[in-house]
Amino acid sequence: MAITKRLRMRFKDSNDVIVSFTVTPAHTPVDENNVLEQMQRIINTGAFYTYTGGNIVEILDATLYSVEETELDIEEE
């Protein structure tokens, strides 16, 4: 079993659709000001287009969460 931290950043695009980016693994502790700065950089550079063809135009939120992963033994006999 492994527990990993992930950082999800949510935005709104120019077509009013919510999109998100997830960073795995997130470096902890997370500096909230740094996350905000990076999210603003995503908007300012216009480097990403969404699946709707829109530009990312608005920051919605960011969430740090943990995921517990358990590998299953599914070998065929």
Protein backbone atom coordinates (compact mmCIF):
# COMPACT_ATOMS: atom_id res chain seq x y z
CA MET A 1 0.00 0.00 0.00
CA ALA A 2 1.24 3.44 -0.89
CA ILE A 3 -0.16 6.86 -0.12
CA THR A 4 0.64 9.68 -2.52
CA LYS A 5 -0.15 13.38 -2.36
CA ARG A 6 -1.72 15.05 -5.38
CA LEU A 7 -2.41 18.68 -6.15
CA ARG A 8 -5.45 19.47 -8.30
CA MET A 9 -5.75 22.97 -9.77
CA ARG A 10 -9.13 23.92 -11.26
CA PHE A 11 -9.73 26.68 -13.79
CA LYS A 12 -12.49 27.98 -16.00
CA ASP A 13 -11.86 28.35 -19.73
CA SER A 14 -13.12 30.98 -22.17
CA ASN A 15 -16.02 28.67 -23.07
CA ASP A 16 -17.16 28.68 -19.40
CA VAL A 17 -16.06 25.05 -18.89
CA ILE A 18 -14.24 23.87 -15.76
CA VAL A 19 -10.89 22.18 -16.43
CA SER A 20 -8.27 20.84 -14.06
CA PHE A 21 -4.62 19.88 -13.89
CA THR A 22 -3.34 17.33 -11.39
CA VAL A 23 0.28 17.25 -10.28
CA THR A 24 1.51 13.91 -8.93
CA PRO A 25 3.31 13.69 -6.62
CA ALA A 26 2.80 17.06 -5.04
CA HIS A 27 5.76 18.37 -3.07
CA THR A 28 4.81 18.93 0.54
CA PRO A 29 4.47 21.11 2.37
CA VAL A 30 2.62 23.06 -0.28
CA ASP A 31 3.17 26.81 -0.35
CA GLU A 32 -0.23 28.33 -1.15
CA ASN A 33 1.32 31.52 -2.55
CA ASN A 34 3.50 29.47 -4.89
CA VAL A 35 0.48 27.48 -6.12
CA LEU A 36 -1.43 30.70 -6.80
CA GLU A 37 1.59 32.14 -8.61
CA GLN A 38 1.90 29.03 -10.81
CA MET A 39 -1.82 29.03 -11.59
CA GLN A 40 -1.63 32.69 -12.59
CA ARG A 41 1.37 31.85 -14.79
CA ILE A 42 -0.73 29.20 -16.58
CA ILE A 43 -3.30 31.87 -17.40
CA ASN A 44 -0.79 34.59 -18.31
CA THR A 45 1.26 32.47 -20.72
CA GLY A 46 -1.72 31.07 -22.60
CA ALA A 47 0.30 27.88 -23.00
CA PHE A 48 -2.68 25.53 -22.58
CA TYR A 49 -5.84 25.14 -24.62
CA THR A 50 -8.70 23.10 -23.25
CA TYR A 51 -10.56 20.27 -24.93
CA THR A 52 -13.27 22.79 -25.82
CA GLY A 53 -10.73 24.86 -27.75
CA GLY A 54 -10.82 27.65 -25.19
CA ASN A 55 -8.11 29.47 -23.29
CA ILE A 56 -7.78 29.16 -19.54
CA VAL A 57 -9.05 32.45 -18.14
CA GLU A 58 -9.98 32.09 -14.46
CA ILE A 59 -8.63 30.41 -11.33
CA LEU A 60 -11.26 28.48 -9.39
CA ASP A 61 -9.45 26.58 -6.63
CA ALA A 62 -6.65 24.21 -5.68
CA THR A 63 -6.90 21.09 -3.55
CA LEU A 64 -4.19 18.95 -1.98
CA TYR A 65 -5.40 15.41 -1.39
CA SER A 66 -4.06 11.94 -0.58
CA VAL A 67 -4.63 8.80 -2.60
CA GLU A 68 -4.19 5.36 -1.09
CA GLU A 69 -3.09 2.81 -3.66
CA THR A 70 -3.18 -0.94 -3.12
CA GLU A 71 -1.78 -3.21 -5.80
CA LEU A 72 -3.92 -6.26 -6.49
CA ASP A 73 -2.39 -9.66 -7.18
CA ILE A 74 -4.17 -10.70 -10.38
CA GLU A 75 -1.65 -13.13 -11.85
CA GLU A 76 -3.17 -15.84 -13.99
CA GLU A 77 -2.52 -19.41 -12.93
